[in-house]
Amino acid sequence: MGELIRLDTAYHDTFLAAMAEFAAEGRTGEPTMVGDDLATWTGRWETPAGFAEYVGTLNDDALRVRKEGWVLCTNLWWVEDGEYVGRLAIRHELNDWLLEVGGHIGYDVRRSRRREGHATALLAAALPIAVDLGIERALITCDTDNVGSRRVIEKNGGVLEDERQGKLRYWVDLTER
């Protein structure tokens, strides 16, 4: 199974292949980190210099807020056997939008690697990191029609609170981890 790592330019080729998969799903420009990154970085991250800038920017998100309205965020990648499989974002706190629909933790697994258990393992690996960041209860959301993500969150201890704006809102108690 894969592992969570700090973003690394060594995964350039497999990262670009994954981003092409996300773009083919129509994710470019959607109000998510993948959607925003596709809209912002496509045409730049294809070069080694552009990719290094992208990786540096995301690694710095834990130290500074990248955009107005965003919060500090630890970004990590899920990799397996030298391949980029997915991404994870742990937001250090909740602003109004994150409390309503975004949550503390967001993750994406590339289409070609879904249904292999990566999302469940990725989220499980993220929870101790959230604890280290001082998060006692993590809000994790998913689209109401995303059955796979619902299962991932529930397998990791998520308890459904409610539905808002087409998102199911789950809380994971981290105080006993």
C-alpha atoms as a PDB file:
ATOM      1  CA  MET A   1       0.000   0.000   0.000  1.00  0.00           C
ATOM      2  CA  GLY A   2       1.059   3.589  -0.475  1.00  0.00           C
ATOM      3  CA  GLU A   3       2.485   6.191   1.853  1.00  0.00           C
ATOM      4  CA  LEU A   4       1.967   9.876   2.597  1.00  0.00           C
ATOM      5  CA  ILE A   5       4.911  12.069   1.653  1.00  0.00           C
ATOM      6  CA  ARG A   6       5.789  15.729   1.472  1.00  0.00           C
ATOM      7  CA  LEU A   7       5.362  16.992  -2.102  1.00  0.00           C
ATOM      8  CA  ASP A   8       8.388  16.118  -4.228  1.00  0.00           C
ATOM      9  CA  THR A   9       9.413  17.029  -7.786  1.00  0.00           C
ATOM     10  CA  ALA A  10      10.511  13.422  -8.392  1.00  0.00           C
ATOM     11  CA  TYR A  11       6.859  12.580  -9.157  1.00  0.00           C
ATOM     12  CA  HIS A  12       6.529  15.046 -12.046  1.00  0.00           C
ATOM     13  CA  ASP A  13       5.538  12.606 -14.799  1.00  0.00           C
ATOM     14  CA  THR A  14       3.046  10.554 -12.789  1.00  0.00           C
ATOM     15  CA  PHE A  15       1.609  13.715 -11.236  1.00  0.00           C
ATOM     16  CA  LEU A  16       0.938  15.177 -14.693  1.00  0.00           C
ATOM     17  CA  ALA A  17      -0.702  11.914 -15.783  1.00  0.00           C
ATOM     18  CA  ALA A  18      -2.968  12.078 -12.709  1.00  0.00           C
ATOM     19  CA  MET A  19      -3.854  15.715 -13.386  1.00  0.00           C
ATOM     20  CA  ALA A  20      -4.825  14.747 -16.938  1.00  0.00           C
ATOM     21  CA  GLU A  21      -7.197  12.172 -15.404  1.00  0.00           C
ATOM     22  CA  PHE A  22      -8.737  14.827 -13.115  1.00  0.00           C
ATOM     23  CA  ALA A  23      -9.065  17.252 -16.045  1.00  0.00           C
ATOM     24  CA  ALA A  24     -10.789  14.556 -18.128  1.00  0.00           C
ATOM     25  CA  GLU A  25     -13.352  14.246 -15.305  1.00  0.00           C
ATOM     26  CA  GLY A  26     -14.196  17.928 -15.763  1.00  0.00           C
ATOM     27  CA  ARG A  27     -12.528  19.038 -12.520  1.00  0.00           C
ATOM     28  CA  THR A  28     -10.775  22.121 -13.941  1.00  0.00           C
ATOM     29  CA  GLY A  29     -12.079  25.259 -12.259  1.00  0.00           C
ATOM     30  CA  GLU A  30     -14.337  23.528  -9.737  1.00  0.00           C
ATOM     31  CA  PRO A  31     -14.230  25.002  -6.205  1.00  0.00           C
ATOM     32  CA  THR A  32     -11.735  22.444  -4.876  1.00  0.00           C
ATOM     33  CA  MET A  33      -7.972  22.426  -4.560  1.00  0.00           C
ATOM     34  CA  VAL A  34      -7.605  20.108  -7.566  1.00  0.00           C
ATOM     35  CA  GLY A  35      -9.971  22.277  -9.606  1.00  0.00           C
ATOM     36  CA  ASP A  36      -8.191  25.473  -8.626  1.00  0.00           C
ATOM     37  CA  ASP A  37      -4.746  23.980  -9.240  1.00  0.00           C
ATOM     38  CA  LEU A  38      -5.781  22.704 -12.672  1.00  0.00           C
ATOM     39  CA  ALA A  39      -7.083  26.153 -13.604  1.00  0.00           C
ATOM     40  CA  THR A  40      -4.084  27.993 -12.162  1.00  0.00           C
ATOM     41  CA  TRP A  41      -1.117  25.774 -12.994  1.00  0.00           C
ATOM     42  CA  THR A  42      -1.983  23.994 -16.272  1.00  0.00           C
ATOM     43  CA  GLY A  43       0.428  25.374 -18.842  1.00  0.00           C
ATOM     44  CA  ARG A  44       3.039  26.074 -16.152  1.00  0.00           C
ATOM     45  CA  TRP A  45       3.607  22.847 -14.213  1.00  0.00           C
ATOM     46  CA  GLU A  46       4.506  20.924 -17.360  1.00  0.00           C
ATOM     47  CA  THR A  47       8.082  22.290 -17.248  1.00  0.00           C
ATOM     48  CA  PRO A  48      10.524  21.226 -14.522  1.00  0.00           C
ATOM     49  CA  ALA A  49      10.830  24.846 -13.331  1.00  0.00           C
ATOM     50  CA  GLY A  50       7.066  25.368 -13.283  1.00  0.00           C
ATOM     51  CA  PHE A  51       6.544  22.106 -11.426  1.00  0.00           C
ATOM     52  CA  ALA A  52       9.207  23.020  -8.859  1.00  0.00           C
ATOM     53  CA  GLU A  53       7.417  26.340  -8.309  1.00  0.00           C
ATOM     54  CA  TYR A  54       4.090  24.526  -7.870  1.00  0.00           C
ATOM     55  CA  VAL A  55       5.552  22.032  -5.378  1.00  0.00           C
ATOM     56  CA  GLY A  56       7.231  24.845  -3.444  1.00  0.00           C
ATOM     57  CA  THR A  57       4.013  26.852  -3.320  1.00  0.00           C
ATOM     58  CA  LEU A  58       2.003  23.952  -1.916  1.00  0.00           C
ATOM     59  CA  ASN A  59       4.701  22.982   0.563  1.00  0.00           C
ATOM     60  CA  ASP A  60       4.644  26.604   1.804  1.00  0.00           C
ATOM     61  CA  ASP A  61       0.862  26.477   2.403  1.00  0.00           C
ATOM     62  CA  ALA A  62       1.541  25.137   5.912  1.00  0.00           C
ATOM     63  CA  LEU A  63       3.515  28.303   6.671  1.00  0.00           C
ATOM     64  CA  ARG A  64       1.562  31.042   4.894  1.00  0.00           C
ATOM     65  CA  VAL A  65      -1.929  31.526   3.494  1.00  0.00           C
ATOM     66  CA  ARG A  66      -1.784  31.297  -0.301  1.00  0.00           C
ATOM     67  CA  LYS A  67      -5.016  33.162  -1.134  1.00  0.00           C
ATOM     68  CA  GLU A  68      -7.371  35.482   0.647  1.00  0.00           C
ATOM     69  CA  GLY A  69     -10.051  33.454   2.397  1.00  0.00           C
ATOM     70  CA  TRP A  70      -7.899  30.316   2.666  1.00  0.00           C
ATOM     71  CA  VAL A  71      -6.269  28.970   5.844  1.00  0.00           C
ATOM     72  CA  LEU A  72      -2.934  27.324   6.632  1.00  0.00           C
ATOM     73  CA  CYS A  73      -2.894  23.898   5.035  1.00  0.00           C
ATOM     74  CA  THR A  74      -0.571  20.903   5.111  1.00  0.00           C
ATOM     75  CA  ASN A  75      -0.471  19.308   1.665  1.00  0.00           C
ATOM     76  CA  LEU A  76       0.758  15.756   1.236  1.00  0.00           C
ATOM     77  CA  TRP A  77       0.827  13.229  -1.581  1.00  0.00           C
ATOM     78  CA  TRP A  78      -0.071   9.550  -1.509  1.00  0.00           C
ATOM     79  CA  VAL A  79       2.449   7.584  -3.564  1.00  0.00           C
ATOM     80  CA  GLU A  80       3.047   3.933  -4.264  1.00  0.00           C
ATOM     81  CA  ASP A  81       5.986   2.312  -6.071  1.00  0.00           C
ATOM     82  CA  GLY A  82       7.200   5.627  -7.488  1.00  0.00           C
ATOM     83  CA  GLU A  83       3.748   6.686  -8.696  1.00  0.00           C
ATOM     84  CA  TYR A  84       1.626   9.657  -7.636  1.00  0.00           C
ATOM     85  CA  VAL A  85      -1.721   8.174  -6.572  1.00  0.00           C
ATOM     86  CA  GLY A  86      -3.465  11.056  -4.833  1.00  0.00           C
ATOM     87  CA  ARG A  87      -3.331  14.131  -2.674  1.00  0.00           C
ATOM     88  CA  LEU A  88      -4.388  15.208   0.772  1.00  0.00           C
ATOM     89  CA  ALA A  89      -4.953  18.606   2.338  1.00  0.00           C
ATOM     90  CA  ILE A  90      -5.258  19.120   6.086  1.00  0.00           C
ATOM     91  CA  ARG A  91      -6.561  22.590   6.867  1.00  0.00           C
ATOM     92  CA  HIS A  92      -5.262  23.755  10.229  1.00  0.00           C
ATOM     93  CA  GLU A  93      -8.495  25.540  11.135  1.00  0.00           C
ATOM     94  CA  LEU A  94     -11.984  26.106   9.752  1.00  0.00           C
ATOM     95  CA  ASN A  95     -13.180  29.364   8.240  1.00  0.00           C
ATOM     96  CA  ASP A  96     -16.884  29.879   7.509  1.00  0.00           C
ATOM     97  CA  TRP A  97     -16.769  28.121   4.120  1.00  0.00           C
ATOM     98  CA  LEU A  98     -14.753  25.159   5.412  1.00  0.00           C
ATOM     99  CA  LEU A  99     -17.101  24.789   8.391  1.00  0.00           C
ATOM    100  CA  GLU A 100     -20.085  24.779   6.066  1.00  0.00           C
ATOM    101  CA  VAL A 101     -18.901  22.509   3.235  1.00  0.00           C
ATOM    102  CA  GLY A 102     -15.116  22.120   2.954  1.00  0.00           C
ATOM    103  CA  GLY A 103     -13.946  20.516   6.185  1.00  0.00           C
ATOM    104  CA  HIS A 104     -10.522  20.055   7.756  1.00  0.00           C
ATOM    105  CA  ILE A 105      -9.407  17.285   5.424  1.00  0.00           C
ATOM    106  CA  GLY A 106      -9.799  16.940   1.683  1.00  0.00           C
ATOM    107  CA  TYR A 107      -8.402  14.180  -0.483  1.00  0.00           C
ATOM    108  CA  ASP A 108      -8.436  13.010  -4.089  1.00  0.00           C
ATOM    109  CA  VAL A 109      -7.327   9.733  -5.651  1.00  0.00           C
ATOM    110  CA  ARG A 110      -6.700   9.589  -9.384  1.00  0.00           C
ATOM    111  CA  ARG A 111      -9.365   7.720 -11.332  1.00  0.00           C
ATOM    112  CA  SER A 112      -7.086   4.899 -12.496  1.00  0.00           C
ATOM    113  CA  ARG A 113      -6.222   4.017  -8.871  1.00  0.00           C
ATOM    114  CA  ARG A 114      -9.668   4.209  -7.254  1.00  0.00           C
ATOM    115  CA  ARG A 115     -11.373   1.226  -5.630  1.00  0.00           C
ATOM    116  CA  GLU A 116      -8.023  -0.157  -4.432  1.00  0.00           C
ATOM    117  CA  GLY A 117      -8.287   1.046  -0.810  1.00  0.00           C
ATOM    118  CA  HIS A 118      -6.025   4.045  -1.267  1.00  0.00           C
ATOM    119  CA  ALA A 119      -8.500   6.666  -0.051  1.00  0.00           C
ATOM    120  CA  THR A 120      -9.257   4.731   3.142  1.00  0.00           C
ATOM    121  CA  ALA A 121      -5.548   4.238   3.891  1.00  0.00           C
ATOM    122  CA  LEU A 122      -4.702   7.825   2.951  1.00  0.00           C
ATOM    123  CA  LEU A 123      -7.315   9.253   5.321  1.00  0.00           C
ATOM    124  CA  ALA A 124      -6.242   6.877   8.113  1.00  0.00           C
ATOM    125  CA  ALA A 125      -2.640   8.045   7.697  1.00  0.00           C
ATOM    126  CA  ALA A 126      -3.769  11.688   7.797  1.00  0.00           C
ATOM    127  CA  LEU A 127      -5.611  11.538  11.121  1.00  0.00           C
ATOM    128  CA  PRO A 128      -2.488  11.332  13.344  1.00  0.00           C
ATOM    129  CA  ILE A 129      -1.068  14.324  11.470  1.00  0.00           C
ATOM    130  CA  ALA A 130      -4.271  16.247  12.185  1.00  0.00           C
ATOM    131  CA  VAL A 131      -3.833  15.378  15.868  1.00  0.00           C
ATOM    132  CA  ASP A 132      -0.264  16.717  15.750  1.00  0.00           C
ATOM    133  CA  LEU A 133      -1.678  19.964  14.317  1.00  0.00           C
ATOM    134  CA  GLY A 134      -3.932  20.289  17.365  1.00  0.00           C
ATOM    135  CA  ILE A 135      -7.181  19.272  15.701  1.00  0.00           C
ATOM    136  CA  GLU A 136      -9.371  17.426  18.213  1.00  0.00           C
ATOM    137  CA  ARG A 137     -12.413  16.892  15.990  1.00  0.00           C
ATOM    138  CA  ALA A 138     -11.906  16.765  12.238  1.00  0.00           C
ATOM    139  CA  LEU A 139     -14.685  17.772   9.876  1.00  0.00           C
ATOM    140  CA  ILE A 140     -14.609  15.766   6.650  1.00  0.00           C
ATOM    141  CA  THR A 141     -17.166  16.317   3.913  1.00  0.00           C
ATOM    142  CA  CYS A 142     -18.182  14.633   0.686  1.00  0.00           C
ATOM    143  CA  ASP A 143     -20.783  15.105  -2.020  1.00  0.00           C
ATOM    144  CA  THR A 144     -24.121  13.529  -1.142  1.00  0.00           C
ATOM    145  CA  ASP A 145     -23.886  11.199  -4.142  1.00  0.00           C
ATOM    146  CA  ASN A 146     -20.283  10.063  -3.514  1.00  0.00           C
ATOM    147  CA  VAL A 147     -20.903   6.652  -1.965  1.00  0.00           C
ATOM    148  CA  GLY A 148     -17.227   5.684  -2.084  1.00  0.00           C
ATOM    149  CA  SER A 149     -16.140   8.728  -0.126  1.00  0.00           C
ATOM    150  CA  ARG A 150     -18.920   8.192   2.402  1.00  0.00           C
ATOM    151  CA  ARG A 151     -17.590   4.706   3.055  1.00  0.00           C
ATOM    152  CA  VAL A 152     -14.017   5.975   3.365  1.00  0.00           C
ATOM    153  CA  ILE A 153     -15.021   8.561   5.965  1.00  0.00           C
ATOM    154  CA  GLU A 154     -17.190   6.112   7.909  1.00  0.00           C
ATOM    155  CA  LYS A 155     -14.406   3.469   7.937  1.00  0.00           C
ATOM    156  CA  ASN A 156     -12.202   6.118   9.540  1.00  0.00           C
ATOM    157  CA  GLY A 157     -14.658   6.863  12.347  1.00  0.00           C
ATOM    158  CA  GLY A 158     -16.701   9.615  10.705  1.00  0.00           C
ATOM    159  CA  VAL A 159     -20.075  10.289  12.308  1.00  0.00           C
ATOM    160  CA  LEU A 160     -22.606  12.018  10.068  1.00  0.00           C
ATOM    161  CA  GLU A 161     -23.853  15.328  11.443  1.00  0.00           C
ATOM    162  CA  ASP A 162     -25.935  16.713   8.580  1.00  0.00           C
ATOM    163  CA  GLU A 163     -26.151  17.724   4.926  1.00  0.00           C
ATOM    164  CA  ARG A 164     -25.468  21.263   3.732  1.00  0.00           C
ATOM    165  CA  GLN A 165     -25.292  22.602   0.202  1.00  0.00           C
ATOM    166  CA  GLY A 166     -25.066  19.127  -1.322  1.00  0.00           C
ATOM    167  CA  LYS A 167     -22.354  17.994   1.100  1.00  0.00           C
ATOM    168  CA  LEU A 168     -22.526  15.411   3.850  1.00  0.00           C
ATOM    169  CA  ARG A 169     -20.679  16.634   6.947  1.00  0.00           C
ATOM    170  CA  TYR A 170     -18.920  14.036   9.107  1.00  0.00           C
ATOM    171  CA  TRP A 171     -16.978  14.562  12.325  1.00  0.00           C
ATOM    172  CA  VAL A 172     -14.113  12.315  13.411  1.00  0.00           C
ATOM    173  CA  ASP A 173     -13.180  12.472  17.100  1.00  0.00           C
ATOM    174  CA  LEU A 174      -9.377  12.556  17.296  1.00  0.00           C
ATOM    175  CA  THR A 175      -9.039  12.859  21.077  1.00  0.00           C
ATOM    176  CA  GLU A 176      -8.526   9.109  21.524  1.00  0.00           C
ATOM    177  CA  ARG A 177      -6.020   8.560  18.717  1.00  0.00           C
END
